Structure formats: structure tokens, C-alpha cells
Amino acid sequence: MASHRTTRGWIPAAAAVFAAGWGANQFTPLAVVYRTEEHWPAVPVAAMFTTYLLGLLPGLLLGGPAADRFGRRRAVRSALALSAAASGLLAVASVEQWVVYVSRLATGFAAGLVLMAGTAWLRELSAGAGRPDAGARRGAWATGGGFAAGALAAGVLAEWLPRPMVLPCLAHALLALLVLGATGRVPETAAPGSGVRAEPLLAHLCRGAVYRHPRFVRVVLPAAPAVFTAATVAYVVLPPLVADRTPGYAPVFSGVVTALTLTVGVAVQPLAARLDQAHSARATLASLAAVIGGLLLSAYAVHGDSAALVLAAAALLGAGYGLTLASGLREIERLAAPKDRTSATSVYHGATGTGFLTPLLLAVTAGAAPYPAQLAGLAAVGLLCLAVTAWYSRRHLP
């Protein structure tokens, strides 16, 4: 019979994933504060957001092997400490803008590490408690819940409490430290003496080489950037463009849009399982169609300067985000052998992370074309990716 610590240990592990997601997404409403109250230019603020990607990618790639070599608990707790320190650093962002870049880099690395090591820990703790099927579901809800709650809480704190650039960051730092303490006695689940510890840290990325499989290159990879392109367009790009329609409530509106996007994204993921077929890419094609529709609705919302349409576009983009992410992970499960699945998932998450470049790309090119035209152009790119995926959807089956 599973011990009480094993049975309940998944709760602190889920809280760790939740806290990492909170820290990753608290920046979204704060960016509105930087733009509207501090009057920082659009391009530097977009670059600050994108700096998160530079930390996230190595965190995702190293999270799996670090958890294997050093243990799940040690990797997660180290990342939580780093996440708390990064939020404390972000609290002094008003002193120097360069501090934001350092904080976002550290936040991204910590988030990537926890998302890989923490979700593996959560799955294994759930299996040890006799609930092997619950681990993936708990991980999805902890991740999505943290992303949504972090943005919403930061928006509320920045809107109605003093020191909007400070208090939201300190709130997350306190949360991360509390969770750090709670995870101290959670059982370790990494198998000791497996030989992984003697392996070079990055060697696992070459095993299995799922990134060389034709189906990964021609079906999974074309859709991967749509995951966070959909999400970041919804909650980074759109809210500032209709800020004149939410006077005095820009930070909380940004938080609501973010929470809506990510909540819908988590809620629709079971639909991807129903759409999924091993002999086609039906789930991926449906998800890309949702992203394209969301981008077109976003262009119309910005053209009409409508906050209500931004909310509708955020919901549709959130559905596209969740479906694309879940359908891609299901393809990875079929393409990779069980022993290589962690590394393959790391590579896939790294590919999805390229979508974080979208806000910066749009900000840099804003002088060349208006935002509605840029969003319509993104939809055209999505249509091209949809065509490529559809062409190869029934080929190179695993």
C-alpha cells in the first residue's frame, strides 16, 4: 500500500509546477504597466518578453537529463529557488531596465527546468500512489493553472494595490519560497543506480533522434510554432492594442485575457485525444484551423478597436494553443520509444517555444505594416503550415 507521503506527495509537486507557471506569466500584465505608466517603448518591452525564451529553451532541454542525474526533487527545488530570486530581481525593475532582461532569462530557465523535471516527478508520484493515469492530467492543470493564475493575480495586484511593479513580483517570490519548503520532504522518484548519472548531460538528446523522423519534420514541426504564437498573440499582442477601450483597467484586462486564453487551452486538451488518430493528423489539422481562425478574428478585433472581440479571439486562440500542444505531444508519444520520450518531449517543447518570438517580430515590423495586416499575414503563414501538414498527414506513419 502506498505510504501517506507518496499518496499526498503529488500535491507539493503540482504546487511546484503551478508556482513555476505563475512566475513565467506574471510578466504579461506588468508589461502593460511598463508601457502605460512607465512609458517604455514597445520594442524593448517585447524584447524583455522574448528574453524568457532564451532561458526557457536550455531549461527545457536540460530539465530531463538534470532530473535523471540529480533527482527530481533536487532539480525542482533548485529551480524554485531561482524562480523566487528572479521575481525578487524583477521587483527592482524600475531602477534599471536591464534588470528585467536578467530576471526574464532566469525565470525562463527555472520554468523550463520545472516543467520537465516537475511534471516527470508529478507523473511518478501519481503512479506510486496508484493513480498512473492521473499524472499527465495533474501536470496539465498545474501548468495551465499556474500560467493563468500568475497573469490574473499580477493584473489584479497591479491594478488595485500600490507599487504595481513591485508587489506582484514579491507575491510570487513568497509563493515560490513556500512551495520550496513544502517540497522538502516529498519522496524522490528517480531510479537510483540506473547508469544515467554517468552519462553526459546532453547525451540523451541524441538518443532516438526523433527530430530526424520524417513525420516529425513534416507534420509535427510545421505546427509546433503555432502553440505559443497563438498564446502570445492573444495575451501579449492584443491587449495593448485596445488599451484605449479599457481606460484605467489595462493591467487587469491583460490578466483576464491571459487567464481566459490559458484556461481555454487547458480545458480543450481532452478534445485533442478524441480527435487524435494514429493513421492521420486530424487533431493537428483541427488545431491549426483554430489558430488561423483566431488570428483572423484578432486582425478584425484590432481593426475595429474592440475589447469584446479581443476576448473572443483570445478564447479561439486559446483553443488553438491547447489543441496544438496536446496533438503534438500525442504524435511524439507514437514516434519516440519509451526510453527516449523525455528527450523527444524536450525537443518538441523547444520547437513550440519559437512562438515566443512572435510579439517581438510584430513590434519590430510594426512600422512597415499595421497590426491587422500583420495578423492576417500570420494567418496566411498558418495556412501554409496547414497545407504542408495535410499533405504529409497520412505518410511516414510510426
Protein backbone atom coordinates (compact mmCIF):
# COMPACT_ATOMS: atom_id res chain seq x y z
CA MET A 1 0.00 0.00 0.00
CA ALA A 2 1.35 3.46 -0.89
CA SER A 3 2.63 5.49 2.05
CA HIS A 4 0.93 8.73 3.08
CA ARG A 5 3.94 10.72 1.86
CA THR A 6 3.75 9.08 -1.55
CA THR A 7 -0.02 9.40 -1.74
CA ARG A 8 -0.03 13.11 -0.87
CA GLY A 9 3.39 13.96 -2.28
CA TRP A 10 1.93 14.82 -5.65
CA ILE A 11 0.28 17.94 -4.17
CA PRO A 12 3.57 19.80 -3.39
CA ALA A 13 4.97 18.62 -6.72
CA ALA A 14 1.92 20.02 -8.52
CA ALA A 15 2.31 23.22 -6.50
CA ALA A 16 5.90 23.49 -7.75
CA VAL A 17 4.75 23.27 -11.37
CA PHE A 18 1.97 25.76 -10.58
CA ALA A 19 4.43 28.22 -9.00
CA ALA A 20 6.80 28.00 -11.96
CA GLY A 21 3.95 28.74 -14.36
CA TRP A 22 2.85 31.66 -12.16
CA GLY A 23 6.31 33.21 -12.31
CA ALA A 24 6.57 32.72 -16.05
CA ASN A 25 3.34 34.57 -16.83
CA GLN A 26 3.22 37.32 -14.22
CA PHE A 27 5.19 39.50 -16.64
CA THR A 28 2.29 39.84 -19.10
CA PRO A 29 0.20 42.42 -17.15
CA LEU A 30 3.39 44.01 -15.83
CA ALA A 31 4.38 44.70 -19.44
CA VAL A 32 1.21 46.79 -19.73
CA VAL A 33 2.32 48.76 -16.66
CA TYR A 34 5.73 49.33 -18.23
CA ARG A 35 4.05 50.58 -21.42
CA THR A 36 1.26 52.72 -19.95
CA GLU A 37 2.72 54.06 -16.69
CA GLU A 38 6.48 53.96 -17.24
CA HIS A 39 6.14 54.73 -20.98
CA TRP A 40 8.78 52.22 -22.03
CA PRO A 41 8.87 51.74 -25.84
CA ALA A 42 7.09 48.77 -27.41
CA VAL A 43 10.17 47.10 -28.90
CA PRO A 44 12.22 46.88 -25.65
CA VAL A 45 9.20 45.56 -23.75
CA ALA A 46 8.64 42.92 -26.45
CA ALA A 47 12.34 42.06 -26.27
CA MET A 48 12.04 41.64 -22.50
CA PHE A 49 9.20 39.20 -23.02
CA THR A 50 11.17 37.27 -25.67
CA THR A 51 14.26 37.04 -23.43
CA TYR A 52 12.25 34.49 -21.48
CA LEU A 53 12.66 32.16 -24.47
CA LEU A 54 16.46 32.34 -24.22
CA GLY A 55 16.24 30.87 -20.74
CA LEU A 56 13.29 28.56 -21.40
CA LEU A 57 14.91 26.57 -24.22
CA PRO A 58 18.01 25.42 -22.27
CA GLY A 59 15.77 24.81 -19.26
CA LEU A 60 13.54 22.51 -21.30
CA LEU A 61 16.47 20.73 -22.92
CA LEU A 62 18.36 20.26 -19.65
CA GLY A 63 15.36 19.60 -17.42
CA GLY A 64 15.03 15.93 -18.32
CA PRO A 65 18.69 14.92 -18.02
CA ALA A 66 19.19 17.09 -14.91
CA ALA A 67 16.25 15.36 -13.25
CA ASP A 68 17.72 11.97 -14.17
CA ARG A 69 21.21 12.79 -12.96
CA PHE A 70 20.50 14.81 -9.80
CA GLY A 71 17.00 13.59 -8.96
CA ARG A 72 13.58 15.13 -9.49
CA ARG A 73 13.37 16.78 -6.09
CA ARG A 74 16.77 18.43 -6.23
CA ALA A 75 16.22 19.77 -9.76
CA VAL A 76 12.77 21.14 -8.95
CA ARG A 77 13.78 22.75 -5.66
CA SER A 78 16.83 24.41 -7.22
CA ALA A 79 14.62 25.82 -9.97
CA LEU A 80 12.08 27.12 -7.43
CA ALA A 81 14.83 28.97 -5.59
CA LEU A 82 15.99 30.50 -8.87
CA SER A 83 12.41 31.48 -9.77
CA ALA A 84 11.94 33.22 -6.42
CA ALA A 85 15.23 35.11 -6.86
CA ALA A 86 14.21 36.13 -10.39
CA SER A 87 10.93 37.60 -9.13
CA GLY A 88 12.77 39.46 -6.40
CA LEU A 89 15.04 40.90 -9.06
CA LEU A 90 12.05 41.87 -11.21
CA ALA A 91 10.67 43.85 -8.26
CA VAL A 92 13.52 46.36 -8.69
CA ALA A 93 12.94 46.71 -12.43
CA SER A 94 12.01 50.36 -12.03
CA VAL A 95 15.64 51.10 -11.10
CA GLU A 96 17.24 49.78 -14.30
CA GLN A 97 15.63 48.24 -17.39
CA TRP A 98 18.48 45.76 -17.87
CA VAL A 99 17.41 44.08 -14.63
CA VAL A 100 14.24 42.92 -16.41
CA TYR A 101 16.28 41.07 -19.05
CA VAL A 102 18.28 39.21 -16.38
CA SER A 103 15.12 38.36 -14.46
CA ARG A 104 13.31 37.09 -17.55
CA LEU A 105 16.30 34.94 -18.51
CA ALA A 106 16.42 33.34 -15.07
CA THR A 107 12.63 32.93 -14.97
CA GLY A 108 12.65 31.14 -18.32
CA PHE A 109 15.39 28.73 -17.29
CA ALA A 110 13.67 27.94 -13.99
CA ALA A 111 10.32 27.44 -15.71
CA GLY A 112 11.79 25.09 -18.32
CA LEU A 113 13.55 23.05 -15.65
CA VAL A 114 10.41 22.69 -13.52
CA LEU A 115 8.16 21.95 -16.48
CA MET A 116 10.35 18.98 -17.44
CA ALA A 117 11.58 17.72 -14.06
CA GLY A 118 8.44 18.69 -12.16
CA THR A 119 5.95 17.06 -14.49
CA ALA A 120 8.05 13.87 -14.55
CA TRP A 121 8.11 13.93 -10.74
CA LEU A 122 4.36 14.50 -10.64
CA ARG A 123 3.67 11.61 -13.00
CA GLU A 124 5.85 9.23 -10.99
CA LEU A 125 4.38 10.30 -7.66
CA SER A 126 0.88 9.78 -9.04
CA ALA A 127 1.86 6.32 -10.31
CA GLY A 128 3.38 5.47 -6.93
CA ALA A 129 0.10 6.42 -5.27
CA GLY A 130 -1.80 4.05 -7.54
CA ARG A 131 -3.05 6.70 -9.98
CA PRO A 132 -0.81 6.33 -13.05
CA ASP A 133 -3.38 7.86 -15.38
CA ALA A 134 -3.77 10.97 -13.23
CA GLY A 135 -0.19 12.24 -13.54
CA ALA A 136 -0.46 13.74 -17.02
CA ARG A 137 -3.81 15.36 -16.20
CA ARG A 138 -2.49 16.84 -12.97
CA GLY A 139 0.57 18.16 -14.77
CA ALA A 140 -1.54 19.83 -17.46
CA TRP A 141 -3.81 21.50 -14.93
CA ALA A 142 -0.92 22.60 -12.70
CA THR A 143 0.93 24.11 -15.65
CA GLY A 144 -2.08 25.83 -17.20
CA GLY A 145 -3.43 26.89 -13.82
CA GLY A 146 -0.11 28.47 -12.88
CA PHE A 147 0.14 30.33 -16.16
CA ALA A 148 -3.42 31.65 -15.84
CA ALA A 149 -3.34 32.44 -12.12
CA GLY A 150 0.01 34.23 -12.36
CA ALA A 151 -1.21 36.63 -15.01
CA LEU A 152 -4.58 37.22 -13.36
CA ALA A 153 -3.13 37.76 -9.88
CA ALA A 154 -0.41 40.08 -11.18
CA GLY A 155 -3.04 42.06 -13.12
CA VAL A 156 -5.27 42.42 -10.06
CA LEU A 157 -2.38 43.39 -7.77
CA ALA A 158 -1.01 45.88 -10.31
CA GLU A 159 -4.46 47.39 -10.85
CA TRP A 160 -5.73 47.96 -7.33
CA LEU A 161 -2.72 47.94 -4.99
CA PRO A 162 0.17 50.40 -4.73
CA ARG A 163 3.60 49.71 -6.20
CA PRO A 164 2.30 47.83 -9.27
CA MET A 165 5.84 46.99 -10.43
CA VAL A 166 6.85 45.57 -7.05
CA LEU A 167 4.04 43.81 -5.16
CA PRO A 168 3.12 41.25 -7.86
CA CYS A 169 6.75 40.13 -8.07
CA LEU A 170 7.13 39.84 -4.29
CA ALA A 171 3.88 37.86 -4.10
CA HIS A 172 5.28 35.26 -6.47
CA ALA A 173 8.65 35.17 -4.71
CA LEU A 174 6.83 34.39 -1.44
CA LEU A 175 4.74 31.69 -3.13
CA ALA A 176 7.83 30.04 -4.63
CA LEU A 177 9.60 30.02 -1.25
CA LEU A 178 6.56 28.50 0.48
CA VAL A 179 6.37 25.75 -2.14
CA LEU A 180 10.14 25.24 -1.85
CA GLY A 181 9.64 24.46 1.82
CA ALA A 182 6.69 22.17 1.11
CA THR A 183 8.67 20.03 -1.34
CA GLY A 184 11.48 19.31 1.10
CA ARG A 185 10.05 16.01 2.35
CA VAL A 186 8.39 14.79 -0.85
CA PRO A 187 9.83 11.39 -1.86
CA GLU A 188 12.39 11.16 -4.62
CA THR A 189 11.18 9.05 -7.55
CA ALA A 190 14.25 8.85 -9.81
CA ALA A 191 15.52 5.27 -10.01
CA PRO A 192 18.94 5.09 -8.31
CA GLY A 193 21.89 3.37 -9.92
CA SER A 194 20.47 3.31 -13.43
CA GLY A 195 23.69 4.45 -15.06
CA VAL A 196 22.17 7.71 -16.30
CA ARG A 197 24.24 9.69 -13.82
CA ALA A 198 27.45 8.75 -15.58
CA GLU A 199 26.12 9.86 -18.94
CA PRO A 200 26.99 13.32 -20.31
CA LEU A 201 24.18 15.73 -19.51
CA LEU A 202 23.18 16.37 -23.13
CA ALA A 203 23.84 12.89 -24.49
CA HIS A 204 20.19 11.89 -24.05
CA LEU A 205 19.15 14.45 -26.69
CA CYS A 206 20.88 12.39 -29.38
CA ARG A 207 19.20 9.13 -28.39
CA GLY A 208 16.29 8.13 -30.56
CA ALA A 209 16.78 11.21 -32.74
CA VAL A 210 13.04 11.82 -33.13
CA TYR A 211 13.89 15.14 -34.76
CA ARG A 212 15.20 13.20 -37.79
CA HIS A 213 11.99 11.23 -38.27
CA PRO A 214 10.19 12.38 -41.48
CA ARG A 215 6.86 12.67 -39.68
CA PHE A 216 8.36 14.92 -37.02
CA VAL A 217 9.90 17.17 -39.68
CA ARG A 218 6.87 17.32 -41.98
CA VAL A 219 3.88 17.03 -39.65
CA VAL A 220 4.86 17.90 -36.08
CA LEU A 221 7.44 20.62 -36.71
CA PRO A 222 5.37 22.85 -39.08
CA ALA A 223 2.62 23.07 -36.45
CA ALA A 224 4.87 23.46 -33.38
CA PRO A 225 5.44 27.27 -33.53
CA ALA A 226 1.66 27.78 -33.65
CA VAL A 227 1.41 26.69 -29.99
CA PHE A 228 2.89 29.83 -28.48
CA THR A 229 2.25 32.04 -31.47
CA ALA A 230 -1.45 31.59 -30.68
CA ALA A 231 -0.96 32.15 -26.95
CA THR A 232 1.35 35.17 -27.16
CA VAL A 233 -0.71 36.94 -29.83
CA ALA A 234 -3.73 36.55 -27.56
CA TYR A 235 -2.28 37.85 -24.32
CA VAL A 236 0.82 39.85 -25.28
CA VAL A 237 -0.02 41.50 -28.60
CA LEU A 238 -3.76 42.15 -28.43
CA PRO A 239 -4.48 43.79 -25.02
CA PRO A 240 -2.22 46.87 -25.52
CA LEU A 241 -3.76 47.46 -28.96
CA VAL A 242 -7.20 48.04 -27.43
CA ALA A 243 -5.99 49.75 -24.25
CA ASP A 244 -7.99 52.87 -25.16
CA ARG A 245 -11.15 50.73 -24.77
CA THR A 246 -10.19 49.73 -21.22
CA PRO A 247 -9.08 53.07 -19.72
CA GLY A 248 -7.84 52.69 -16.16
CA TYR A 249 -8.11 48.90 -16.28
CA ALA A 250 -5.36 47.94 -18.73
CA PRO A 251 -3.35 45.67 -16.36
CA VAL A 252 -6.36 43.70 -15.10
CA PHE A 253 -7.78 43.42 -18.62
CA SER A 254 -4.45 41.96 -19.73
CA GLY A 255 -4.60 39.49 -16.85
CA VAL A 256 -8.16 38.47 -17.73
CA VAL A 257 -7.24 37.92 -21.39
CA THR A 258 -4.25 35.80 -20.36
CA ALA A 259 -6.27 33.74 -17.90
CA LEU A 260 -9.02 33.21 -20.49
CA THR A 261 -6.54 32.11 -23.16
CA LEU A 262 -4.76 29.60 -20.98
CA THR A 263 -7.85 28.28 -19.20
CA VAL A 264 -9.47 27.50 -22.54
CA GLY A 265 -6.17 25.99 -23.68
CA VAL A 266 -6.13 23.53 -20.80
CA ALA A 267 -9.87 22.79 -20.97
CA VAL A 268 -9.81 21.77 -24.65
CA GLN A 269 -6.87 19.39 -24.41
CA PRO A 270 -9.07 16.31 -23.81
CA LEU A 271 -10.70 17.13 -27.16
CA ALA A 272 -7.35 16.53 -28.83
CA ALA A 273 -7.42 12.98 -27.51
CA ARG A 274 -10.81 12.43 -29.12
CA LEU A 275 -9.70 13.92 -32.42
CA ASP A 276 -6.40 12.08 -32.44
CA GLN A 277 -5.92 9.25 -34.94
CA ALA A 278 -2.79 7.19 -35.35
CA HIS A 279 -3.15 7.00 -39.15
CA SER A 280 -3.72 10.71 -39.77
CA ALA A 281 -3.04 14.14 -38.33
CA ARG A 282 -6.66 15.08 -37.78
CA ALA A 283 -6.09 16.63 -34.35
CA THR A 284 -3.16 18.73 -35.60
CA LEU A 285 -5.12 19.93 -38.62
CA ALA A 286 -8.09 20.93 -36.45
CA SER A 287 -5.80 22.79 -34.07
CA LEU A 288 -4.11 24.73 -36.88
CA ALA A 289 -7.54 25.67 -38.25
CA ALA A 290 -8.45 27.07 -34.82
CA VAL A 291 -5.22 29.09 -34.69
CA ILE A 292 -5.81 30.51 -38.19
CA GLY A 293 -9.37 31.45 -37.28
CA GLY A 294 -8.15 33.10 -34.09
CA LEU A 295 -5.56 35.15 -35.97
CA LEU A 296 -8.14 36.35 -38.48
CA LEU A 297 -10.54 37.29 -35.68
CA SER A 298 -7.65 39.08 -33.94
CA ALA A 299 -6.99 41.15 -37.06
CA TYR A 300 -10.67 42.10 -37.21
CA ALA A 301 -10.71 42.94 -33.47
CA VAL A 302 -7.72 45.26 -33.78
CA HIS A 303 -9.12 46.85 -36.93
CA GLY A 304 -12.40 47.54 -35.14
CA ASP A 305 -10.68 48.51 -31.86
CA SER A 306 -12.97 46.16 -29.94
CA ALA A 307 -12.12 44.80 -26.49
CA ALA A 308 -15.03 42.34 -26.70
CA LEU A 309 -13.69 40.86 -29.92
CA VAL A 310 -10.24 40.60 -28.33
CA LEU A 311 -11.79 38.39 -25.65
CA ALA A 312 -13.45 36.25 -28.32
CA ALA A 313 -10.19 35.99 -30.27
CA ALA A 314 -8.32 35.08 -27.08
CA ALA A 315 -10.74 32.20 -26.45
CA LEU A 316 -10.32 30.88 -30.00
CA LEU A 317 -6.55 31.29 -29.91
CA GLY A 318 -6.51 29.57 -26.52
CA ALA A 319 -8.34 26.62 -28.06
CA GLY A 320 -5.78 26.52 -30.87
CA TYR A 321 -2.92 26.69 -28.36
CA GLY A 322 -4.24 23.80 -26.26
CA LEU A 323 -5.17 21.58 -29.18
CA THR A 324 -1.88 22.12 -31.00
CA LEU A 325 0.17 21.40 -27.89
CA ALA A 326 -1.77 18.24 -26.99
CA SER A 327 -1.87 16.87 -30.54
CA GLY A 328 1.87 17.39 -30.96
CA LEU A 329 2.61 15.56 -27.71
CA ARG A 330 0.49 12.63 -28.86
CA GLU A 331 2.49 12.44 -32.08
CA ILE A 332 5.70 12.44 -30.01
CA GLU A 333 4.40 9.56 -27.90
CA ARG A 334 3.97 7.47 -31.05
CA LEU A 335 7.27 8.48 -32.65
CA ALA A 336 9.59 8.02 -29.67
CA ALA A 337 10.43 4.84 -27.84
CA PRO A 338 9.57 4.96 -24.10
CA LYS A 339 13.23 5.36 -23.08
CA ASP A 340 13.62 8.33 -25.45
CA ARG A 341 10.29 10.03 -24.73
CA THR A 342 11.65 12.55 -22.24
CA SER A 343 14.29 13.78 -24.67
CA ALA A 344 11.82 13.85 -27.55
CA THR A 345 9.39 15.88 -25.45
CA SER A 346 12.19 18.33 -24.63
CA VAL A 347 12.93 18.80 -28.32
CA TYR A 348 9.24 19.29 -29.09
CA HIS A 349 8.79 21.87 -26.33
CA GLY A 350 11.84 23.68 -27.64
CA ALA A 351 10.24 23.82 -31.09
CA THR A 352 6.99 25.19 -29.66
CA GLY A 353 8.94 27.84 -27.78
CA THR A 354 9.87 29.58 -31.04
CA GLY A 355 6.36 31.03 -30.96
CA PHE A 356 7.54 33.35 -28.17
CA LEU A 357 9.39 35.33 -30.85
CA THR A 358 6.11 36.46 -32.41
CA PRO A 359 5.45 39.58 -30.24
CA LEU A 360 8.98 40.86 -30.89
CA LEU A 361 8.68 40.19 -34.62
CA LEU A 362 5.41 42.11 -34.79
CA ALA A 363 6.76 45.00 -32.72
CA VAL A 364 9.87 45.36 -34.86
CA THR A 365 7.89 45.33 -38.12
CA ALA A 366 5.01 47.49 -36.87
CA GLY A 367 6.29 50.46 -38.88
CA ALA A 368 6.12 48.52 -42.15
CA ALA A 369 2.50 47.37 -41.86
CA PRO A 370 -0.41 47.91 -39.46
CA TYR A 371 -1.14 45.22 -36.92
CA PRO A 372 -4.32 43.95 -38.66
CA ALA A 373 -2.30 43.30 -41.81
CA GLN A 374 0.47 41.61 -39.82
CA LEU A 375 -2.01 39.33 -38.05
CA ALA A 376 -3.61 38.44 -41.37
CA GLY A 377 -0.13 37.67 -42.68
CA LEU A 378 0.45 35.31 -39.75
CA ALA A 379 -2.82 33.58 -40.63
CA ALA A 380 -1.52 33.13 -44.20
CA VAL A 381 1.66 31.54 -42.83
CA GLY A 382 -0.52 29.28 -40.70
CA LEU A 383 -2.49 28.29 -43.78
CA LEU A 384 0.76 27.29 -45.49
CA CYS A 385 1.75 25.17 -42.48
CA LEU A 386 -1.71 23.61 -42.55
CA ALA A 387 -1.25 22.67 -46.20
CA VAL A 388 2.16 21.07 -45.53
CA THR A 389 0.81 19.13 -42.56
CA ALA A 390 -2.24 17.97 -44.52
CA TRP A 391 -0.09 16.80 -47.45
CA TYR A 392 2.04 14.55 -45.25
CA SER A 393 -0.63 13.68 -42.67
CA ARG A 394 -1.02 10.06 -43.80
CA ARG A 395 2.63 9.43 -44.63
CA HIS A 396 5.62 8.20 -42.63
CA LEU A 397 3.34 6.66 -40.02
CA PRO A 398 5.19 5.23 -36.98
